[in-house]
Amino acid sequence: MTAAIISHATCALHDNGHSYHPECAERLDAINNQLITSGVDWITHHYDAQTATKDQLLRAHKAHYIEQIFASAPSDAMSIDLDGDTSMNQHSLAAALLAAGAATQAVDLVMDNTNQQQHAFCMVRPPGHHAGRAHSAGFCIFNNIAIAAQHALAAHGLERVAIIDFDVHHGDGTEDIVQGDERILFCSSFQHPFYPYRGADTQAANILNIPLPAGTASTAWREAVQQQWLPALARFQPELILISAGFDSHLEDDMGGFKLVEADYVWITEELCQLAKRYSNGRIVSCLEGGYDFSSLGRSVAAHVKMLAEFS
């Protein structure tokens, strides 16, 4: 009974350049502390993230955007703004490459039948699901989960990969990258209307969005998932399940207006583990997205990782 955790110390050095920015290194500290105090750390195996290659990035992002990020990266103590929400300091490029690399490394790990790691959690920052083919947004530089999906298809020859995104904000960057690719089923639940103000009207065969109003709590969210995601996933029969694990839909997180609790993350994780056991040889990769209230973030990630470990 164990799950892999992939991270790197450099992820804590990325700084968005503004005092009290919600996407900060303390998020990782909160998670680490809760994993230890809850005992979950004892049922995990830790790996240092590897750096993503440009070829891996190119499967999800435009070449000119990648070159722009490399050219813009500061080499000293200054910081630069990529957009209204996302900045880079001298460590940000390395952190972003490690975050994307952790996601591809996690795919390689769960696809390797010679080890016992079926489930992996990427405890990384910056997050990724708002980064599109050719733009940064919403604290995100490279789209870690989309890069992982494309890596699974290209490097491992998979034909069906599912991405599940339960962040309170729509994974618009992921949608931008995977829309129209019938090898990928993208399922996203999110508060609407709310940032990034997209996704509610998407018409694409491989996109299954669940826009829900502010105030949505456990019962309504679970019912929507049961009625829409779970049947679609069973029909799709994914060979690998990827999770954009955003915990800002928690009741205690004021970055959103949902009212989920740890038990909801345990429930969806268990449902996805059951689906993975049925269709994907148990293989799941989860990548950290949002979650900005330190206490609820730590507790929620610990509950999520514990369930991943129990199903391994």
Protein backbone atom coordinates (compact mmCIF):
# COMPACT_ATOMS: atom_id res chain seq x y z
CA MET A 1 0.00 0.00 0.00
CA THR A 2 1.93 3.01 -1.26
CA ALA A 3 1.74 5.96 -3.64
CA ALA A 4 4.53 7.88 -5.31
CA ILE A 5 5.03 11.58 -4.59
CA ILE A 6 7.13 13.49 -7.10
CA SER A 7 8.42 16.94 -6.19
CA HIS A 8 11.57 19.06 -6.10
CA ALA A 9 12.98 21.67 -3.75
CA THR A 10 13.27 24.16 -6.62
CA CYS A 11 9.48 24.31 -6.87
CA ALA A 12 9.50 26.24 -3.58
CA LEU A 13 11.87 28.87 -5.02
CA HIS A 14 9.47 30.03 -7.74
CA ASP A 15 7.99 33.37 -6.69
CA ASN A 16 5.15 35.26 -8.35
CA GLY A 17 6.77 38.56 -7.43
CA HIS A 18 4.02 40.08 -5.32
CA SER A 19 3.65 40.16 -1.53
CA TYR A 20 0.96 37.84 -0.21
CA HIS A 21 0.42 36.21 -3.62
CA PRO A 22 -1.90 33.21 -3.02
CA GLU A 23 0.21 30.84 -5.14
CA CYS A 24 3.21 30.70 -2.84
CA ALA A 25 5.82 28.27 -1.54
CA GLU A 26 3.97 27.95 1.77
CA ARG A 27 1.39 25.83 -0.06
CA LEU A 28 3.97 23.04 -0.39
CA ASP A 29 5.00 23.46 3.25
CA ALA A 30 1.37 23.06 4.32
CA ILE A 31 1.05 19.87 2.32
CA ASN A 32 4.32 18.40 3.57
CA ASN A 33 3.46 19.18 7.18
CA GLN A 34 0.04 17.55 6.92
CA LEU A 35 1.40 14.46 5.15
CA ILE A 36 3.80 13.99 8.05
CA THR A 37 1.44 14.76 10.94
CA SER A 38 -1.33 12.60 9.48
CA GLY A 39 0.98 9.64 8.94
CA VAL A 40 0.31 9.57 5.19
CA ASP A 41 3.97 10.27 4.48
CA TRP A 42 4.78 6.78 5.74
CA ILE A 43 2.76 5.16 2.95
CA THR A 44 4.36 7.15 0.15
CA HIS A 45 7.57 6.85 -1.82
CA HIS A 46 9.26 10.14 -2.73
CA TYR A 47 11.00 10.91 -6.01
CA ASP A 48 12.87 14.02 -7.14
CA ALA A 49 11.31 15.51 -10.25
CA GLN A 50 13.22 15.49 -13.51
CA THR A 51 13.29 18.44 -15.90
CA ALA A 52 10.92 18.32 -18.88
CA THR A 53 12.53 18.42 -22.30
CA LYS A 54 11.60 20.90 -25.01
CA ASP A 55 10.28 18.02 -27.10
CA GLN A 56 7.87 17.14 -24.29
CA LEU A 57 6.75 20.76 -24.02
CA LEU A 58 6.25 21.00 -27.79
CA ARG A 59 3.57 18.32 -27.72
CA ALA A 60 1.31 20.74 -25.82
CA HIS A 61 2.66 24.23 -26.50
CA LYS A 62 3.58 26.30 -29.55
CA ALA A 63 7.30 26.63 -30.23
CA HIS A 64 7.19 30.45 -30.20
CA TYR A 65 5.58 30.44 -26.75
CA ILE A 66 8.21 28.10 -25.31
CA GLU A 67 10.97 30.27 -26.76
CA GLN A 68 9.28 33.36 -25.32
CA ILE A 69 9.27 31.82 -21.83
CA PHE A 70 12.93 30.81 -22.07
CA ALA A 71 13.90 34.25 -23.39
CA SER A 72 11.88 36.07 -20.72
CA ALA A 73 13.21 34.14 -17.73
CA PRO A 74 15.13 36.48 -15.39
CA SER A 75 18.73 35.62 -14.61
CA ASP A 76 19.01 37.75 -11.49
CA ALA A 77 16.90 38.93 -8.55
CA MET A 78 14.41 40.83 -10.71
CA SER A 79 10.99 39.40 -11.59
CA ILE A 80 8.88 39.85 -14.72
CA ASP A 81 5.14 39.62 -15.32
CA LEU A 82 3.96 37.20 -17.99
CA ASP A 83 0.34 38.29 -17.58
CA GLY A 84 -1.85 39.92 -14.96
CA ASP A 85 -1.64 36.91 -12.63
CA THR A 86 1.60 35.13 -13.45
CA SER A 87 5.18 36.24 -12.84
CA MET A 88 8.64 34.71 -13.06
CA ASN A 89 11.70 35.14 -10.87
CA GLN A 90 15.16 33.68 -11.47
CA HIS A 91 14.02 30.21 -10.33
CA SER A 92 10.65 30.10 -12.11
CA LEU A 93 11.78 28.58 -15.40
CA ALA A 94 13.56 25.75 -13.61
CA ALA A 95 10.52 25.20 -11.36
CA ALA A 96 8.11 25.19 -14.32
CA LEU A 97 10.28 22.69 -16.20
CA LEU A 98 10.44 20.48 -13.10
CA ALA A 99 6.66 20.69 -12.61
CA ALA A 100 6.06 19.57 -16.19
CA GLY A 101 8.84 17.01 -15.89
CA ALA A 102 7.29 15.58 -12.74
CA ALA A 103 4.08 14.94 -14.69
CA THR A 104 5.82 13.07 -17.51
CA GLN A 105 8.00 11.22 -15.00
CA ALA A 106 4.86 10.16 -13.12
CA VAL A 107 3.40 8.77 -16.35
CA ASP A 108 6.59 6.79 -16.97
CA LEU A 109 6.49 5.52 -13.39
CA VAL A 110 2.92 4.20 -13.46
CA MET A 111 3.37 2.78 -16.96
CA ASP A 112 6.41 0.77 -15.86
CA ASN A 113 5.12 -2.69 -15.09
CA THR A 114 8.36 -3.65 -13.32
CA ASN A 115 7.60 -1.52 -10.25
CA GLN A 116 4.71 -1.40 -7.83
CA GLN A 117 3.78 2.28 -8.30
CA GLN A 118 0.34 2.48 -9.91
CA HIS A 119 -0.55 5.88 -8.45
CA ALA A 120 1.55 9.05 -8.37
CA PHE A 121 0.93 12.54 -7.04
CA CYS A 122 2.97 15.48 -8.38
CA MET A 123 3.42 17.95 -5.53
CA VAL A 124 4.66 20.79 -7.70
CA ARG A 125 4.32 24.45 -8.52
CA PRO A 126 3.69 26.46 -10.60
CA PRO A 127 0.35 24.81 -11.42
CA GLY A 128 -0.61 24.30 -15.05
CA HIS A 129 -4.24 24.02 -16.07
CA HIS A 130 -4.74 27.64 -17.18
CA ALA A 131 -1.70 27.64 -19.49
CA GLY A 132 -2.84 27.26 -23.10
CA ARG A 133 -1.02 26.37 -26.27
CA ALA A 134 0.54 29.80 -26.57
CA HIS A 135 -0.17 31.71 -23.36
CA SER A 136 0.37 31.78 -19.64
CA ALA A 137 -2.53 32.56 -17.30
CA GLY A 138 -3.83 32.12 -13.78
CA PHE A 139 -0.44 31.43 -12.11
CA CYS A 140 0.37 28.79 -14.79
CA ILE A 141 3.36 28.74 -17.18
CA PHE A 142 3.38 25.25 -18.74
CA ASN A 143 0.35 22.96 -18.72
CA ASN A 144 1.65 20.04 -16.67
CA ILE A 145 -1.36 17.76 -17.07
CA ALA A 146 -1.70 18.29 -20.84
CA ILE A 147 2.02 17.64 -21.28
CA ALA A 148 1.57 14.41 -19.30
CA ALA A 149 -1.36 13.35 -21.49
CA GLN A 150 0.52 13.99 -24.71
CA HIS A 151 3.55 12.15 -23.32
CA ALA A 152 1.41 9.12 -22.50
CA LEU A 153 0.07 9.05 -26.05
CA ALA A 154 3.38 9.67 -27.81
CA ALA A 155 5.88 7.82 -25.61
CA HIS A 156 3.75 4.92 -24.42
CA GLY A 157 1.45 4.39 -27.38
CA LEU A 158 -1.77 4.79 -25.43
CA GLU A 159 -4.96 5.43 -27.37
CA ARG A 160 -7.30 6.75 -24.65
CA VAL A 161 -6.32 9.08 -21.80
CA ALA A 162 -8.79 10.78 -19.46
CA ILE A 163 -8.12 14.06 -17.64
CA ILE A 164 -10.28 14.89 -14.62
CA ASP A 165 -10.15 18.47 -13.29
CA PHE A 166 -12.00 19.26 -10.04
CA ASP A 167 -10.43 22.68 -9.38
CA VAL A 168 -12.96 25.43 -8.63
CA HIS A 169 -11.69 27.23 -11.75
CA HIS A 170 -12.22 25.78 -15.22
CA GLY A 171 -9.12 24.21 -16.78
CA ASP A 172 -9.36 26.45 -19.83
CA GLY A 173 -5.74 26.01 -20.82
CA THR A 174 -6.11 22.24 -20.82
CA GLU A 175 -9.27 22.55 -22.90
CA ASP A 176 -7.43 24.81 -25.35
CA ILE A 177 -4.74 22.17 -25.83
CA VAL A 178 -6.82 18.97 -25.97
CA GLN A 179 -10.07 20.16 -27.56
CA GLY A 180 -10.84 18.07 -30.64
CA ASP A 181 -8.33 15.32 -29.78
CA GLU A 182 -10.57 12.28 -29.51
CA ARG A 183 -7.80 10.30 -27.80
CA ILE A 184 -8.30 12.49 -24.72
CA LEU A 185 -11.50 12.85 -22.69
CA PHE A 186 -11.37 16.04 -20.61
CA CYS A 187 -13.82 16.39 -17.71
CA SER A 188 -13.87 19.64 -15.74
CA SER A 189 -16.15 20.80 -12.93
CA PHE A 190 -15.98 24.47 -11.99
CA GLN A 191 -17.78 27.46 -10.56
CA HIS A 192 -19.64 29.50 -13.17
CA PRO A 193 -19.72 32.39 -13.76
CA PHE A 194 -16.21 32.75 -12.41
CA TYR A 195 -12.60 33.09 -13.56
CA PRO A 196 -11.58 32.29 -16.31
CA TYR A 197 -15.13 32.85 -17.61
CA ARG A 198 -14.88 30.04 -20.16
CA GLY A 199 -16.08 26.49 -20.61
CA ALA A 200 -19.80 26.76 -19.99
CA ASP A 201 -20.65 26.83 -23.71
CA THR A 202 -17.97 24.48 -25.05
CA GLN A 203 -19.23 22.21 -27.82
CA ALA A 204 -16.64 19.49 -28.39
CA ALA A 205 -17.10 15.73 -28.39
CA ASN A 206 -14.12 15.11 -26.12
CA ILE A 207 -14.92 17.83 -23.56
CA LEU A 208 -17.34 17.25 -20.68
CA ASN A 209 -17.69 20.40 -18.61
CA ILE A 210 -19.84 20.75 -15.49
CA PRO A 211 -20.39 24.46 -14.74
CA LEU A 212 -21.98 24.88 -11.32
CA PRO A 213 -23.06 27.97 -9.36
CA ALA A 214 -21.33 29.49 -6.37
CA GLY A 215 -22.47 27.78 -3.19
CA THR A 216 -22.36 24.29 -4.71
CA ALA A 217 -21.82 21.78 -1.92
CA SER A 218 -21.18 18.06 -1.65
CA THR A 219 -24.56 16.63 -2.67
CA ALA A 220 -25.03 18.69 -5.83
CA TRP A 221 -21.42 18.25 -6.94
CA ARG A 222 -21.43 14.49 -6.39
CA GLU A 223 -24.74 14.11 -8.21
CA ALA A 224 -23.39 16.00 -11.22
CA VAL A 225 -20.26 13.85 -11.29
CA GLN A 226 -22.24 10.63 -10.94
CA GLN A 227 -24.66 11.58 -13.70
CA GLN A 228 -22.17 12.99 -16.18
CA TRP A 229 -18.51 12.08 -15.62
CA LEU A 230 -18.73 8.51 -14.40
CA PRO A 231 -20.89 7.14 -17.27
CA ALA A 232 -18.77 9.00 -19.84
CA LEU A 233 -15.57 7.61 -18.35
CA ALA A 234 -16.99 4.08 -18.37
CA ARG A 235 -17.88 4.45 -22.06
CA PHE A 236 -14.47 5.91 -22.87
CA GLN A 237 -12.55 3.17 -20.99
CA PRO A 238 -9.35 5.19 -20.45
CA GLU A 239 -6.02 3.42 -20.43
CA LEU A 240 -4.68 6.06 -18.04
CA ILE A 241 -6.42 8.53 -15.74
CA LEU A 242 -4.84 11.92 -15.08
CA ILE A 243 -6.12 14.31 -12.42
CA SER A 244 -5.81 18.08 -12.27
CA ALA A 245 -6.19 18.15 -8.50
CA GLY A 246 -7.32 21.60 -7.44
CA PHE A 247 -8.43 21.92 -3.83
CA ASP A 248 -9.69 25.51 -3.96
CA SER A 249 -13.25 24.18 -4.20
CA HIS A 250 -13.01 23.53 -0.44
CA LEU A 251 -15.45 25.24 1.89
CA GLU A 252 -12.60 27.00 3.73
CA ASP A 253 -10.88 28.36 0.61
CA ASP A 254 -11.98 31.89 -0.21
CA MET A 255 -10.48 31.77 -3.71
CA GLY A 256 -13.76 30.20 -4.78
CA GLY A 257 -17.35 29.78 -3.74
CA PHE A 258 -17.79 26.02 -3.61
CA LYS A 259 -18.42 24.16 -0.35
CA LEU A 260 -16.66 20.84 -0.78
CA VAL A 261 -14.84 19.11 2.08
CA GLU A 262 -12.14 16.46 2.41
CA ALA A 263 -14.70 13.66 2.20
CA ASP A 264 -15.60 14.81 -1.33
CA TYR A 265 -11.99 14.52 -2.48
CA VAL A 266 -11.80 11.07 -0.90
CA TRP A 267 -15.01 10.11 -2.71
CA ILE A 268 -13.93 11.26 -6.18
CA THR A 269 -10.48 9.73 -5.70
CA GLU A 270 -12.04 6.39 -4.78
CA GLU A 271 -14.40 6.53 -7.76
CA LEU A 272 -11.49 7.23 -10.11
CA CYS A 273 -9.41 4.46 -8.51
CA GLN A 274 -12.25 2.03 -9.14
CA LEU A 275 -12.45 3.13 -12.78
CA ALA A 276 -8.68 2.87 -13.14
CA LYS A 277 -8.74 -0.63 -11.68
CA ARG A 278 -11.39 -1.61 -14.22
CA TYR A 279 -10.00 -0.01 -17.37
CA SER A 280 -6.49 1.39 -16.79
CA ASN A 281 -4.56 -1.35 -14.99
CA GLY A 282 -4.96 0.84 -11.91
CA ARG A 283 -2.85 3.68 -13.35
CA ILE A 284 -3.48 7.21 -12.05
CA VAL A 285 -1.33 10.34 -12.12
CA SER A 286 -2.50 13.36 -10.12
CA CYS A 287 -0.98 16.85 -10.36
CA LEU A 288 -1.49 19.67 -7.89
CA GLU A 289 -3.38 22.68 -9.24
CA GLY A 290 -5.16 25.15 -6.95
CA GLY A 291 -5.76 25.27 -3.22
CA TYR A 292 -4.80 28.42 -1.32
CA ASP A 293 -6.08 28.02 2.23
CA PHE A 294 -3.13 26.28 3.83
CA SER A 295 -5.03 24.22 6.39
CA SER A 296 -7.71 22.85 4.08
CA LEU A 297 -5.15 22.34 1.30
CA GLY A 298 -2.92 20.22 3.50
CA ARG A 299 -5.80 18.14 4.84
CA SER A 300 -7.34 17.65 1.40
CA VAL A 301 -4.12 16.58 -0.28
CA ALA A 302 -3.37 14.17 2.57
CA ALA A 303 -6.82 12.61 2.19
CA HIS A 304 -6.40 12.40 -1.60
CA VAL A 305 -2.94 10.81 -1.41
CA LYS A 306 -4.04 8.39 1.33
CA MET A 307 -6.82 7.09 -0.91
CA LEU A 308 -4.39 6.77 -3.84
CA ALA A 309 -2.07 4.76 -1.61
CA GLU A 310 -4.81 2.52 -0.29
CA PHE A 311 -5.79 1.51 -3.83
CA SER A 312 -2.21 0.81 -4.95
